Amino acid sequence: MRDQLRIAVFTIIEGVTLVVWLALVRSDAGIYQVSTGSLVAGIAVLAVGFTIEHIIAYNVIHNRGLLDLQGVPIAQKAVVSLIETVIWAVWLVLADLNMILATVVLTGLLIVEHTLSDNVFKGRDIFSKFLDVKTIGFSLIEAVGAGIWLALVQADMVVVGIAILLVASFIEHTLAVALARKQTVAT
């Protein structure tokens, strides 16, 4: 139960990050049809939010205090967070064109991002491996959850969409933590 609560913490951080980002970059005129300030703020929210999420996830995986920064590979987790920021920004552009294509592309890009993140969790060089087939399932769960979330937001069912996003993210994070703990020594 303790692990589930700790996973829920960084799941909520990711959920809030994505919801705030979408609110900043989406308007009645369309996706990215907002001011430059809103676009910049949206990208900043993603980058900062994902970095916080990744640091807490690292600490959960290594059975450390959630906010313990000593020994955390912050630079590598920040790089992964910037990569994830670009992935989500691209996904939203594609989703405005074709949701199925966007979900397929998001799945593929998340597989790479989750592999890079797992490299860091396991103490390897960030780019030591680009594809781990063990990340496919939970990357697909996250991408499908994101697609459903956006479709529900566009249908004015925001609360249900956020709930779907959080459930999908929690499942993804639970599976990612389990994978990262394989061959990872607790510090």
C-alpha atoms as a PDB file:
ATOM      1  CA  MET A   1       0.000   0.000   0.000  1.00  0.00           C
ATOM      2  CA  ARG A   2       2.848   2.394   0.805  1.00  0.00           C
ATOM      3  CA  ASP A   3       4.296   2.005  -2.697  1.00  0.00           C
ATOM      4  CA  GLN A   4       0.898   2.675  -4.263  1.00  0.00           C
ATOM      5  CA  LEU A   5       0.589   5.936  -2.346  1.00  0.00           C
ATOM      6  CA  ARG A   6       4.086   6.986  -3.371  1.00  0.00           C
ATOM      7  CA  ILE A   7       3.351   6.115  -7.001  1.00  0.00           C
ATOM      8  CA  ALA A   8       0.100   8.075  -6.722  1.00  0.00           C
ATOM      9  CA  VAL A   9       2.098  11.166  -5.709  1.00  0.00           C
ATOM     10  CA  PHE A  10       4.103  11.318  -8.921  1.00  0.00           C
ATOM     11  CA  THR A  11       1.087  10.205 -10.951  1.00  0.00           C
ATOM     12  CA  ILE A  12      -0.850  13.203  -9.651  1.00  0.00           C
ATOM     13  CA  ILE A  13       2.104  15.475 -10.449  1.00  0.00           C
ATOM     14  CA  GLU A  14       2.143  14.177 -14.026  1.00  0.00           C
ATOM     15  CA  GLY A  15      -1.644  14.515 -14.284  1.00  0.00           C
ATOM     16  CA  VAL A  16      -1.643  18.101 -13.023  1.00  0.00           C
ATOM     17  CA  THR A  17       1.255  18.877 -15.365  1.00  0.00           C
ATOM     18  CA  LEU A  18      -0.591  17.571 -18.426  1.00  0.00           C
ATOM     19  CA  VAL A  19      -3.919  19.169 -17.497  1.00  0.00           C
ATOM     20  CA  VAL A  20      -2.369  22.603 -16.872  1.00  0.00           C
ATOM     21  CA  TRP A  21      -0.323  22.333 -20.071  1.00  0.00           C
ATOM     22  CA  LEU A  22      -3.389  21.482 -22.151  1.00  0.00           C
ATOM     23  CA  ALA A  23      -5.348  24.343 -20.581  1.00  0.00           C
ATOM     24  CA  LEU A  24      -2.534  26.746 -21.521  1.00  0.00           C
ATOM     25  CA  VAL A  25      -2.099  25.635 -25.142  1.00  0.00           C
ATOM     26  CA  ARG A  26      -5.703  24.899 -26.167  1.00  0.00           C
ATOM     27  CA  SER A  27      -8.375  27.476 -26.903  1.00  0.00           C
ATOM     28  CA  ASP A  28     -11.748  27.612 -28.615  1.00  0.00           C
ATOM     29  CA  ALA A  29      -9.835  28.554 -31.764  1.00  0.00           C
ATOM     30  CA  GLY A  30      -7.913  25.270 -31.605  1.00  0.00           C
ATOM     31  CA  ILE A  31      -4.744  23.572 -30.459  1.00  0.00           C
ATOM     32  CA  TYR A  32      -1.820  25.988 -30.154  1.00  0.00           C
ATOM     33  CA  GLN A  33      -4.087  28.877 -31.232  1.00  0.00           C
ATOM     34  CA  VAL A  34      -3.111  30.869 -28.150  1.00  0.00           C
ATOM     35  CA  SER A  35      -0.648  33.649 -27.315  1.00  0.00           C
ATOM     36  CA  THR A  36       3.087  33.076 -27.432  1.00  0.00           C
ATOM     37  CA  GLY A  37       3.142  33.565 -23.661  1.00  0.00           C
ATOM     38  CA  SER A  38       0.668  30.735 -23.173  1.00  0.00           C
ATOM     39  CA  LEU A  39       2.690  28.462 -25.458  1.00  0.00           C
ATOM     40  CA  VAL A  40       5.933  29.211 -23.603  1.00  0.00           C
ATOM     41  CA  ALA A  41       4.210  28.775 -20.234  1.00  0.00           C
ATOM     42  CA  GLY A  42       2.732  25.455 -21.406  1.00  0.00           C
ATOM     43  CA  ILE A  43       6.119  24.107 -22.486  1.00  0.00           C
ATOM     44  CA  ALA A  44       7.694  25.313 -19.217  1.00  0.00           C
ATOM     45  CA  VAL A  45       4.952  23.576 -17.214  1.00  0.00           C
ATOM     46  CA  LEU A  46       5.655  20.307 -19.044  1.00  0.00           C
ATOM     47  CA  ALA A  47       9.428  20.504 -18.597  1.00  0.00           C
ATOM     48  CA  VAL A  48       9.317  21.429 -14.905  1.00  0.00           C
ATOM     49  CA  GLY A  49       6.430  19.113 -14.056  1.00  0.00           C
ATOM     50  CA  PHE A  50       8.000  16.121 -15.801  1.00  0.00           C
ATOM     51  CA  THR A  51      11.352  16.779 -14.099  1.00  0.00           C
ATOM     52  CA  ILE A  52       9.705  16.819 -10.660  1.00  0.00           C
ATOM     53  CA  GLU A  53       7.746  13.682 -11.549  1.00  0.00           C
ATOM     54  CA  HIS A  54      10.898  11.867 -12.721  1.00  0.00           C
ATOM     55  CA  ILE A  55      12.897  12.815  -9.625  1.00  0.00           C
ATOM     56  CA  ILE A  56      10.137  11.541  -7.330  1.00  0.00           C
ATOM     57  CA  ALA A  57       9.782   8.382  -9.432  1.00  0.00           C
ATOM     58  CA  TYR A  58      13.544   7.804  -9.095  1.00  0.00           C
ATOM     59  CA  ASN A  59      13.229   8.112  -5.337  1.00  0.00           C
ATOM     60  CA  VAL A  60      10.257   5.738  -5.189  1.00  0.00           C
ATOM     61  CA  ILE A  61      12.131   3.143  -7.253  1.00  0.00           C
ATOM     62  CA  HIS A  62      15.167   3.404  -4.974  1.00  0.00           C
ATOM     63  CA  ASN A  63      13.120   3.426  -1.734  1.00  0.00           C
ATOM     64  CA  ARG A  64      14.284   6.929  -0.793  1.00  0.00           C
ATOM     65  CA  GLY A  65      12.460   9.922   0.620  1.00  0.00           C
ATOM     66  CA  LEU A  66      10.258  11.470  -2.073  1.00  0.00           C
ATOM     67  CA  LEU A  67      12.092  14.810  -2.019  1.00  0.00           C
ATOM     68  CA  ASP A  68      15.610  13.501  -1.355  1.00  0.00           C
ATOM     69  CA  LEU A  69      17.823  15.071  -4.019  1.00  0.00           C
ATOM     70  CA  GLN A  70      21.188  13.753  -2.845  1.00  0.00           C
ATOM     71  CA  GLY A  71      22.561  11.313  -5.401  1.00  0.00           C
ATOM     72  CA  VAL A  72      19.653  11.725  -7.829  1.00  0.00           C
ATOM     73  CA  PRO A  73      20.907  12.006 -11.432  1.00  0.00           C
ATOM     74  CA  ILE A  74      19.023  15.271 -11.891  1.00  0.00           C
ATOM     75  CA  ALA A  75      20.726  16.240 -15.159  1.00  0.00           C
ATOM     76  CA  GLN A  76      19.888  12.902 -16.789  1.00  0.00           C
ATOM     77  CA  LYS A  77      16.306  13.004 -15.507  1.00  0.00           C
ATOM     78  CA  ALA A  78      16.006  16.592 -16.820  1.00  0.00           C
ATOM     79  CA  VAL A  79      17.151  15.425 -20.268  1.00  0.00           C
ATOM     80  CA  VAL A  80      14.528  12.660 -20.223  1.00  0.00           C
ATOM     81  CA  SER A  81      11.957  15.260 -19.138  1.00  0.00           C
ATOM     82  CA  LEU A  82      12.850  17.569 -22.026  1.00  0.00           C
ATOM     83  CA  ILE A  83      12.533  14.660 -24.446  1.00  0.00           C
ATOM     84  CA  GLU A  84       9.134  13.822 -22.963  1.00  0.00           C
ATOM     85  CA  THR A  85       8.101  17.486 -23.268  1.00  0.00           C
ATOM     86  CA  VAL A  86       8.814  17.425 -27.010  1.00  0.00           C
ATOM     87  CA  ILE A  87       6.972  14.106 -27.354  1.00  0.00           C
ATOM     88  CA  TRP A  88       3.781  15.469 -25.790  1.00  0.00           C
ATOM     89  CA  ALA A  89       3.955  18.703 -27.802  1.00  0.00           C
ATOM     90  CA  VAL A  90       4.264  16.709 -31.044  1.00  0.00           C
ATOM     91  CA  TRP A  91       1.449  14.390 -29.963  1.00  0.00           C
ATOM     92  CA  LEU A  92      -0.928  17.289 -29.507  1.00  0.00           C
ATOM     93  CA  VAL A  93      -0.160  18.646 -32.999  1.00  0.00           C
ATOM     94  CA  LEU A  94      -0.814  15.207 -34.482  1.00  0.00           C
ATOM     95  CA  ALA A  95      -3.951  14.699 -32.369  1.00  0.00           C
ATOM     96  CA  ASP A  96      -5.392  17.837 -33.931  1.00  0.00           C
ATOM     97  CA  LEU A  97      -4.951  16.155 -37.328  1.00  0.00           C
ATOM     98  CA  ASN A  98      -5.731  12.496 -36.589  1.00  0.00           C
ATOM     99  CA  MET A  99      -6.155  10.954 -33.128  1.00  0.00           C
ATOM    100  CA  ILE A 100      -5.359   7.381 -34.211  1.00  0.00           C
ATOM    101  CA  LEU A 101      -2.112   8.436 -35.882  1.00  0.00           C
ATOM    102  CA  ALA A 102      -1.280  10.564 -32.834  1.00  0.00           C
ATOM    103  CA  THR A 103      -1.824   7.633 -30.470  1.00  0.00           C
ATOM    104  CA  VAL A 104       0.353   5.322 -32.573  1.00  0.00           C
ATOM    105  CA  VAL A 105       3.155   7.911 -32.751  1.00  0.00           C
ATOM    106  CA  LEU A 106       2.830   8.694 -29.032  1.00  0.00           C
ATOM    107  CA  THR A 107       3.118   4.991 -28.210  1.00  0.00           C
ATOM    108  CA  GLY A 108       6.301   4.639 -30.261  1.00  0.00           C
ATOM    109  CA  LEU A 109       7.906   7.755 -28.832  1.00  0.00           C
ATOM    110  CA  LEU A 110       6.950   6.823 -25.259  1.00  0.00           C
ATOM    111  CA  ILE A 111       8.588   3.416 -25.716  1.00  0.00           C
ATOM    112  CA  VAL A 112      11.858   5.226 -26.458  1.00  0.00           C
ATOM    113  CA  GLU A 113      11.357   7.750 -23.631  1.00  0.00           C
ATOM    114  CA  HIS A 114      10.459   5.039 -21.115  1.00  0.00           C
ATOM    115  CA  THR A 115      13.523   3.024 -22.172  1.00  0.00           C
ATOM    116  CA  LEU A 116      15.785   6.057 -21.687  1.00  0.00           C
ATOM    117  CA  SER A 117      14.192   6.738 -18.313  1.00  0.00           C
ATOM    118  CA  ASP A 118      14.648   3.111 -17.266  1.00  0.00           C
ATOM    119  CA  ASN A 119      18.327   3.351 -18.232  1.00  0.00           C
ATOM    120  CA  VAL A 120      18.723   6.197 -15.723  1.00  0.00           C
ATOM    121  CA  PHE A 121      16.686   4.398 -13.053  1.00  0.00           C
ATOM    122  CA  LYS A 122      19.069   1.442 -13.343  1.00  0.00           C
ATOM    123  CA  GLY A 123      22.215   3.576 -13.194  1.00  0.00           C
ATOM    124  CA  ARG A 124      23.138   3.110 -16.848  1.00  0.00           C
ATOM    125  CA  ASP A 125      24.059   5.820 -19.327  1.00  0.00           C
ATOM    126  CA  ILE A 126      20.889   7.549 -20.515  1.00  0.00           C
ATOM    127  CA  PHE A 127      21.463   6.553 -24.162  1.00  0.00           C
ATOM    128  CA  SER A 128      22.824   3.046 -23.523  1.00  0.00           C
ATOM    129  CA  LYS A 129      19.623   1.477 -24.852  1.00  0.00           C
ATOM    130  CA  PHE A 130      16.876   3.015 -27.007  1.00  0.00           C
ATOM    131  CA  LEU A 131      14.311   0.218 -27.133  1.00  0.00           C
ATOM    132  CA  ASP A 132      13.242  -2.128 -24.387  1.00  0.00           C
ATOM    133  CA  VAL A 133      10.313  -4.307 -25.432  1.00  0.00           C
ATOM    134  CA  LYS A 134       9.302  -4.493 -21.761  1.00  0.00           C
ATOM    135  CA  THR A 135       8.160  -0.854 -22.011  1.00  0.00           C
ATOM    136  CA  ILE A 136       5.733  -1.464 -24.903  1.00  0.00           C
ATOM    137  CA  GLY A 137       2.728  -2.489 -22.810  1.00  0.00           C
ATOM    138  CA  PHE A 138       2.763   0.385 -20.361  1.00  0.00           C
ATOM    139  CA  SER A 139       3.653   2.881 -23.105  1.00  0.00           C
ATOM    140  CA  LEU A 140       0.549   1.759 -24.986  1.00  0.00           C
ATOM    141  CA  ILE A 141      -1.580   2.120 -21.841  1.00  0.00           C
ATOM    142  CA  GLU A 142      -0.351   5.685 -21.348  1.00  0.00           C
ATOM    143  CA  ALA A 143      -0.867   6.645 -25.004  1.00  0.00           C
ATOM    144  CA  VAL A 144      -4.394   5.213 -25.183  1.00  0.00           C
ATOM    145  CA  GLY A 145      -5.263   6.894 -21.878  1.00  0.00           C
ATOM    146  CA  ALA A 146      -3.999  10.198 -23.274  1.00  0.00           C
ATOM    147  CA  GLY A 147      -6.058   9.815 -26.419  1.00  0.00           C
ATOM    148  CA  ILE A 148      -9.209   9.080 -24.439  1.00  0.00           C
ATOM    149  CA  TRP A 149      -8.449  12.001 -22.106  1.00  0.00           C
ATOM    150  CA  LEU A 150      -8.146  14.458 -24.998  1.00  0.00           C
ATOM    151  CA  ALA A 151     -11.262  13.110 -26.739  1.00  0.00           C
ATOM    152  CA  LEU A 152     -13.264  13.503 -23.534  1.00  0.00           C
ATOM    153  CA  VAL A 153     -11.919  17.032 -22.951  1.00  0.00           C
ATOM    154  CA  GLN A 154     -12.953  17.948 -26.488  1.00  0.00           C
ATOM    155  CA  ALA A 155     -16.418  16.485 -25.763  1.00  0.00           C
ATOM    156  CA  ASP A 156     -16.694  18.708 -22.659  1.00  0.00           C
ATOM    157  CA  MET A 157     -16.315  15.714 -20.337  1.00  0.00           C
ATOM    158  CA  VAL A 158     -13.210  17.119 -18.680  1.00  0.00           C
ATOM    159  CA  VAL A 159     -13.557  15.465 -15.252  1.00  0.00           C
ATOM    160  CA  VAL A 160     -14.100  12.006 -16.740  1.00  0.00           C
ATOM    161  CA  GLY A 161     -11.175  12.606 -19.094  1.00  0.00           C
ATOM    162  CA  ILE A 162      -8.877  13.545 -16.226  1.00  0.00           C
ATOM    163  CA  ALA A 163      -9.970  10.450 -14.300  1.00  0.00           C
ATOM    164  CA  ILE A 164      -9.119   8.246 -17.308  1.00  0.00           C
ATOM    165  CA  LEU A 165      -5.745   9.983 -17.669  1.00  0.00           C
ATOM    166  CA  LEU A 166      -4.917   9.442 -13.989  1.00  0.00           C
ATOM    167  CA  VAL A 167      -5.957   5.772 -14.009  1.00  0.00           C
ATOM    168  CA  ALA A 168      -3.922   5.060 -17.157  1.00  0.00           C
ATOM    169  CA  SER A 169      -0.929   6.941 -15.737  1.00  0.00           C
ATOM    170  CA  PHE A 170      -1.142   5.122 -12.406  1.00  0.00           C
ATOM    171  CA  ILE A 171      -1.156   1.742 -14.189  1.00  0.00           C
ATOM    172  CA  GLU A 172       1.743   2.848 -16.385  1.00  0.00           C
ATOM    173  CA  HIS A 173       3.726   4.092 -13.393  1.00  0.00           C
ATOM    174  CA  THR A 174       3.093   0.933 -11.367  1.00  0.00           C
ATOM    175  CA  LEU A 175       4.406  -1.200 -14.229  1.00  0.00           C
ATOM    176  CA  ALA A 176       7.351   1.146 -14.858  1.00  0.00           C
ATOM    177  CA  VAL A 177       8.385   1.048 -11.198  1.00  0.00           C
ATOM    178  CA  ALA A 178       8.244  -2.756 -11.241  1.00  0.00           C
ATOM    179  CA  LEU A 179      10.417  -2.869 -14.365  1.00  0.00           C
ATOM    180  CA  ALA A 180      12.911  -0.346 -13.017  1.00  0.00           C
ATOM    181  CA  ARG A 181      13.304  -2.305  -9.795  1.00  0.00           C
ATOM    182  CA  LYS A 182      14.403  -5.393 -11.701  1.00  0.00           C
ATOM    183  CA  GLN A 183      18.201  -5.384 -11.525  1.00  0.00           C
ATOM    184  CA  THR A 184      18.105  -2.114  -9.582  1.00  0.00           C
ATOM    185  CA  VAL A 185      19.773  -2.106  -6.208  1.00  0.00           C
ATOM    186  CA  ALA A 186      17.953  -0.066  -3.542  1.00  0.00           C
ATOM    187  CA  THR A 187      20.143   2.726  -2.218  1.00  0.00           C
END
